[in-house]
């Protein structure tokens, strides 16, 4: 299993186009942020201090949630490529157990997701420091790293499930394009959640990976909100948290962090279970 994972990691990082494509949604978000989102959001928060630090931290938290999806999608492309080129069939006729083979693909995808997410976090922290921000304190940084792992596990389980239905690279490329296009909306980055109709808000809140975004925002925005809303009424911070997706509400119920964690863990178990069931059914 480890050997398969190492082989997949070498293939992924050797292909620069695959690495760049896995970050395509991130580049789109950054472009939209620089051109449109930053000014629009800042205008709605005029009159408070530290707006740039606040909004930059918000967008970075969302990008981390998106990276967990797009990077694992690119990593699972190796599995689809192996299947379309019959390499996977060669592996299955070798002494390698199918479970270890599958585990190798999952392990490499998770490793890619974690590596790319951590690289994004480090670059983002450098950007925050460069533009009048602050680095995350060590306890908050450790929390974010833990949430990245959780986000990658949940994202990889969903993408792996989708991958089990793919038989050609063209089909997977089309699916990847759709995923990369929608993920910014489904994690509430392109448009703040509070600005959307109630029905759309419910779709976002029911999308499991959006809860990774909420958890990461709650940690990364703790210090920026403390600066920006110092001396402001508590209602002002609550309104910001609701509008920007720092906190989710199911009706009158405030979604607690533990519930978001349970949703991500449940998603991981559910989709990995469905994926294994689908693979076992196809192998018969």
Protein backbone atom coordinates (compact mmCIF):
# COMPACT_ATOMS: atom_id res chain seq x y z
CA UNK A 1 0.00 0.00 0.00
CA UNK A 2 2.80 2.41 0.90
CA UNK A 3 4.61 1.58 -2.35
CA UNK A 4 1.49 2.35 -4.39
CA UNK A 5 1.00 5.63 -2.49
CA UNK A 6 4.63 6.67 -3.10
CA UNK A 7 4.31 5.83 -6.78
CA UNK A 8 1.15 7.94 -7.09
CA UNK A 9 2.72 10.88 -5.24
CA UNK A 10 5.70 10.85 -7.61
CA UNK A 11 3.39 10.78 -10.64
CA UNK A 12 1.24 13.63 -9.32
CA UNK A 13 4.00 16.04 -8.34
CA UNK A 14 6.05 15.24 -11.45
CA UNK A 15 3.14 16.42 -13.63
CA UNK A 16 3.17 20.20 -13.17
CA UNK A 17 0.02 20.59 -15.26
CA UNK A 18 -1.88 18.27 -12.91
CA UNK A 19 -0.67 20.21 -9.88
CA UNK A 20 -1.69 23.55 -11.41
CA UNK A 21 -5.04 22.18 -12.56
CA UNK A 22 -5.77 20.91 -9.06
CA UNK A 23 -5.38 24.52 -7.86
CA UNK A 24 -7.41 26.04 -10.70
CA UNK A 25 -10.41 26.80 -8.49
CA UNK A 26 -8.08 28.48 -5.99
CA UNK A 27 -6.66 30.73 -8.73
CA UNK A 28 -10.19 31.60 -9.85
CA UNK A 29 -11.19 32.52 -6.31
CA UNK A 30 -8.08 34.65 -5.86
CA UNK A 31 -8.76 36.42 -9.17
CA UNK A 32 -12.38 37.13 -8.27
CA UNK A 33 -11.31 38.24 -4.80
CA UNK A 34 -8.74 40.73 -6.10
CA UNK A 35 -11.02 42.10 -8.83
CA UNK A 36 -14.47 42.05 -7.22
CA UNK A 37 -14.95 40.47 -3.81
CA UNK A 38 -12.45 42.40 -1.70
CA UNK A 39 -13.84 45.85 -2.47
CA UNK A 40 -17.48 44.75 -2.33
CA UNK A 41 -17.10 43.08 1.06
CA UNK A 42 -14.94 45.89 2.44
CA UNK A 43 -17.55 48.47 1.40
CA UNK A 44 -20.13 46.60 3.44
CA UNK A 45 -17.85 46.73 6.46
CA UNK A 46 -16.86 50.38 6.26
CA UNK A 47 -16.26 52.08 9.57
CA UNK A 48 -14.54 49.20 11.36
CA UNK A 49 -10.79 48.81 11.88
CA UNK A 50 -8.60 46.06 10.48
CA UNK A 51 -10.96 45.28 7.58
CA UNK A 52 -8.17 44.07 5.30
CA UNK A 53 -6.87 41.59 7.92
CA UNK A 54 -10.42 40.42 8.56
CA UNK A 55 -11.37 39.84 4.93
CA UNK A 56 -8.01 38.34 3.94
CA UNK A 57 -8.32 35.83 6.78
CA UNK A 58 -11.88 35.02 5.69
CA UNK A 59 -10.90 34.32 2.10
CA UNK A 60 -7.87 32.25 3.15
CA UNK A 61 -10.06 30.05 5.35
CA UNK A 62 -12.41 29.45 2.43
CA UNK A 63 -9.52 28.69 0.07
CA UNK A 64 -8.25 26.02 2.47
CA UNK A 65 -11.65 24.30 2.34
CA UNK A 66 -11.64 24.48 -1.47
CA UNK A 67 -8.06 23.18 -1.74
CA UNK A 68 -9.01 20.06 0.22
CA UNK A 69 -11.44 19.22 -2.58
CA UNK A 70 -9.57 20.27 -5.71
CA UNK A 71 -6.21 18.76 -4.71
CA UNK A 72 -7.70 15.37 -3.87
CA UNK A 73 -9.64 15.48 -7.13
CA UNK A 74 -6.39 15.89 -9.03
CA UNK A 75 -4.79 13.05 -7.06
CA UNK A 76 -7.62 10.62 -7.80
CA UNK A 77 -7.17 11.42 -11.48
CA UNK A 78 -4.21 9.02 -11.38
CA UNK A 79 -6.57 6.19 -10.47
CA UNK A 80 -8.86 6.99 -13.39
CA UNK A 81 -5.87 7.25 -15.73
CA UNK A 82 -4.59 3.86 -14.55
CA UNK A 83 -8.04 2.37 -15.10
CA UNK A 84 -8.41 3.80 -18.62
CA UNK A 85 -4.91 2.63 -19.61
CA UNK A 86 -5.52 -0.87 -18.13
CA UNK A 87 -2.68 -0.36 -15.64
CA UNK A 88 -5.13 -0.97 -12.80
CA UNK A 89 -5.97 -4.35 -14.30
CA UNK A 90 -2.27 -5.23 -14.32
CA UNK A 91 -2.09 -4.35 -10.62
CA UNK A 92 -5.11 -6.53 -9.80
CA UNK A 93 -3.54 -9.57 -11.51
CA UNK A 94 -0.36 -9.14 -9.43
CA UNK A 95 0.08 -10.50 -5.87
CA UNK A 96 -1.04 -7.11 -4.47
CA UNK A 97 -4.29 -7.45 -2.53
CA UNK A 98 -7.12 -5.30 -3.88
CA UNK A 99 -7.63 -3.71 -0.47
CA UNK A 100 -3.99 -2.60 -0.31
CA UNK A 101 -4.16 -1.30 -3.88
CA UNK A 102 -7.25 0.76 -3.12
CA UNK A 103 -5.72 1.92 0.14
CA UNK A 104 -2.66 3.13 -1.75
CA UNK A 105 -4.77 5.38 -3.98
CA UNK A 106 -6.70 6.74 -0.99
CA UNK A 107 -3.54 7.32 1.05
CA UNK A 108 -1.80 9.17 -1.79
CA UNK A 109 -4.87 11.35 -2.43
CA UNK A 110 -5.09 12.27 1.26
CA UNK A 111 -1.36 12.99 1.34
CA UNK A 112 -1.65 15.27 -1.70
CA UNK A 113 -4.61 17.07 -0.14
CA UNK A 114 -2.78 17.67 3.14
CA UNK A 115 0.48 18.76 1.45
CA UNK A 116 -1.26 21.18 -0.91
CA UNK A 117 -3.47 22.57 1.86
CA UNK A 118 -0.52 23.15 4.19
CA UNK A 119 1.41 24.83 1.36
CA UNK A 120 -1.62 27.08 0.75
CA UNK A 121 -1.85 27.88 4.46
CA UNK A 122 1.83 28.85 4.66
CA UNK A 123 1.59 31.05 1.57
CA UNK A 124 -1.59 32.61 2.92
CA UNK A 125 -0.02 33.33 6.28
CA UNK A 126 2.87 35.04 4.51
CA UNK A 127 0.37 37.13 2.54
CA UNK A 128 -1.46 38.13 5.72
CA UNK A 129 1.77 39.17 7.39
CA UNK A 130 2.80 41.15 4.31
CA UNK A 131 -0.47 43.10 4.19
CA UNK A 132 -0.90 44.37 7.75
CA UNK A 133 -2.04 41.08 9.25
CA UNK A 134 -0.79 38.76 11.95
CA UNK A 135 0.40 35.18 11.98
CA UNK A 136 -1.80 32.59 13.63
CA UNK A 137 -0.73 31.84 17.21
CA UNK A 138 0.57 28.30 17.68
CA UNK A 139 -2.59 26.87 19.35
CA UNK A 140 -4.75 28.24 16.50
CA UNK A 141 -2.28 26.97 13.90
CA UNK A 142 -2.44 23.46 15.36
CA UNK A 143 -6.24 23.61 15.31
CA UNK A 144 -6.22 24.65 11.64
CA UNK A 145 -3.83 21.81 10.77
CA UNK A 146 -6.15 19.34 12.47
CA UNK A 147 -9.14 20.77 10.60
CA UNK A 148 -7.22 20.52 7.32
CA UNK A 149 -6.75 16.79 7.91
CA UNK A 150 -10.45 16.41 8.71
CA UNK A 151 -11.44 18.42 5.61
CA UNK A 152 -9.16 16.34 3.39
CA UNK A 153 -10.58 13.06 4.72
CA UNK A 154 -14.15 14.17 4.07
CA UNK A 155 -13.31 15.62 0.65
CA UNK A 156 -11.34 12.57 -0.47
CA UNK A 157 -14.18 10.25 0.54
CA UNK A 158 -16.65 12.15 -1.67
CA UNK A 159 -14.24 12.40 -4.60
CA UNK A 160 -13.30 8.72 -4.26
CA UNK A 161 -16.97 7.78 -4.43
CA UNK A 162 -17.37 9.82 -7.63
CA UNK A 163 -14.19 8.27 -9.02
CA UNK A 164 -15.56 4.74 -8.64
CA UNK A 165 -18.06 5.55 -11.41
CA UNK A 166 -15.47 6.97 -13.82
CA UNK A 167 -14.06 4.80 -16.59
CA UNK A 168 -12.33 7.35 -18.81
CA UNK A 169 -10.06 10.33 -18.35
CA UNK A 170 -12.38 12.53 -20.41
CA UNK A 171 -15.33 11.80 -18.13
CA UNK A 172 -13.22 12.49 -15.06
CA UNK A 173 -11.90 15.75 -16.55
CA UNK A 174 -15.47 16.89 -17.18
CA UNK A 175 -16.46 15.98 -13.62
CA UNK A 176 -13.39 17.79 -12.26
CA UNK A 177 -14.35 20.92 -14.18
CA UNK A 178 -17.86 20.86 -12.75
CA UNK A 179 -16.52 20.28 -9.23
CA UNK A 180 -13.98 23.09 -9.57
CA UNK A 181 -16.69 25.45 -10.82
CA UNK A 182 -19.24 24.68 -8.12
CA UNK A 183 -16.99 24.30 -5.09
CA UNK A 184 -16.57 28.05 -4.59
CA UNK A 185 -20.35 28.47 -4.41
CA UNK A 186 -20.91 25.41 -2.23
CA UNK A 187 -18.40 26.62 0.35
CA UNK A 188 -19.82 30.16 0.40
CA UNK A 189 -16.82 32.01 -1.01
CA UNK A 190 -17.97 33.55 -4.29
CA UNK A 191 -20.94 35.13 -2.54
CA UNK A 192 -21.26 35.42 1.27
CA UNK A 193 -23.87 33.00 2.56
CA UNK A 194 -26.01 35.71 4.14
CA UNK A 195 -26.47 37.41 0.75
CA UNK A 196 -28.11 34.36 -0.83
CA UNK A 197 -31.78 33.27 -0.84
CA UNK A 198 -32.84 30.93 1.96
CA UNK A 199 -33.10 27.91 -0.34
CA UNK A 200 -29.55 28.35 -1.62
CA UNK A 201 -28.31 28.88 1.93
CA UNK A 202 -29.77 25.53 2.91
CA UNK A 203 -27.98 23.82 0.00
CA UNK A 204 -24.67 25.28 1.15
CA UNK A 205 -25.28 24.39 4.79
CA UNK A 206 -26.14 20.81 3.87
CA UNK A 207 -22.99 20.41 1.76
CA UNK A 208 -20.56 18.65 4.12
CA UNK A 209 -17.34 20.40 3.02
CA UNK A 210 -18.87 23.81 3.74
CA UNK A 211 -18.68 22.81 7.41
CA UNK A 212 -14.90 22.52 7.03
CA UNK A 213 -14.96 26.12 5.87
CA UNK A 214 -17.02 27.14 8.91
CA UNK A 215 -14.64 25.39 11.31
CA UNK A 216 -11.53 26.89 9.74
CA UNK A 217 -13.10 30.37 9.64
CA UNK A 218 -14.06 30.16 13.29
CA UNK A 219 -10.38 29.65 14.18
CA UNK A 220 -8.72 31.94 11.64
CA UNK A 221 -11.11 34.86 12.19
CA UNK A 222 -10.95 34.78 15.97
CA UNK A 223 -8.16 37.36 16.23
CA UNK A 224 -9.27 39.53 13.26
CA UNK A 225 -12.81 39.78 14.66
CA UNK A 226 -11.42 40.66 18.07
CA UNK A 227 -9.59 43.59 16.46
CA UNK A 228 -12.34 44.72 14.10
CA UNK A 229 -15.25 44.53 16.52
CA UNK A 230 -13.49 45.79 19.65
CA UNK A 231 -15.97 48.09 21.38
CA UNK A 232 -18.74 47.30 18.87
CA UNK A 233 -22.10 45.88 19.97
CA UNK A 234 -22.24 42.09 20.19
CA UNK A 235 -25.01 42.14 17.58
CA UNK A 236 -22.60 43.58 15.00
CA UNK A 237 -20.23 40.61 15.34
CA UNK A 238 -23.10 38.13 15.32
CA UNK A 239 -24.47 39.69 12.13
CA UNK A 240 -21.05 39.47 10.49
CA UNK A 241 -20.61 35.84 11.53
CA UNK A 242 -23.99 34.90 10.12
CA UNK A 243 -23.61 36.81 6.85
CA UNK A 244 -20.06 35.60 6.15
CA UNK A 245 -20.61 31.96 7.09
CA UNK A 246 -18.46 31.99 10.21
CA UNK A 247 -21.41 30.46 12.03
CA UNK A 248 -24.25 28.41 10.54
CA UNK A 249 -27.85 28.43 11.70
CA UNK A 250 -30.40 25.68 11.07
CA UNK A 251 -33.48 27.77 11.66
CA UNK A 252 -33.05 29.12 15.18
CA UNK A 253 -30.42 26.52 16.09
CA UNK A 254 -26.78 27.63 16.08
CA UNK A 255 -24.60 24.89 14.62
CA UNK A 256 -21.88 24.15 17.17
CA UNK A 257 -18.34 23.16 16.18
CA UNK A 258 -18.83 19.62 17.48
CA UNK A 259 -21.77 19.11 15.12
CA UNK A 260 -19.75 20.28 12.11
CA UNK A 261 -16.98 17.85 13.12
CA UNK A 262 -19.52 15.02 13.40
CA UNK A 263 -20.88 15.90 9.95
CA UNK A 264 -17.37 15.72 8.44
CA UNK A 265 -16.55 12.44 10.20
CA UNK A 266 -19.91 10.96 9.23
CA UNK A 267 -19.35 12.05 5.61
CA UNK A 268 -15.94 10.36 5.61
CA UNK A 269 -17.30 7.06 6.91
CA UNK A 270 -20.41 7.15 4.70
CA UNK A 271 -18.72 7.85 1.39
CA UNK A 272 -15.73 5.59 1.94
CA UNK A 273 -18.22 2.85 2.84
CA UNK A 274 -20.31 3.52 -0.28
CA UNK A 275 -17.15 3.57 -2.40
CA UNK A 276 -15.97 0.19 -1.12
CA UNK A 277 -19.46 -1.23 -1.64
CA UNK A 278 -19.50 0.05 -5.22
CA UNK A 279 -16.03 -1.35 -5.95
CA UNK A 280 -16.89 -4.75 -4.47
CA UNK A 281 -20.08 -4.88 -6.54
CA UNK A 282 -18.16 -4.11 -9.76
CA UNK A 283 -15.49 -6.70 -9.03
CA UNK A 284 -18.03 -9.51 -9.03
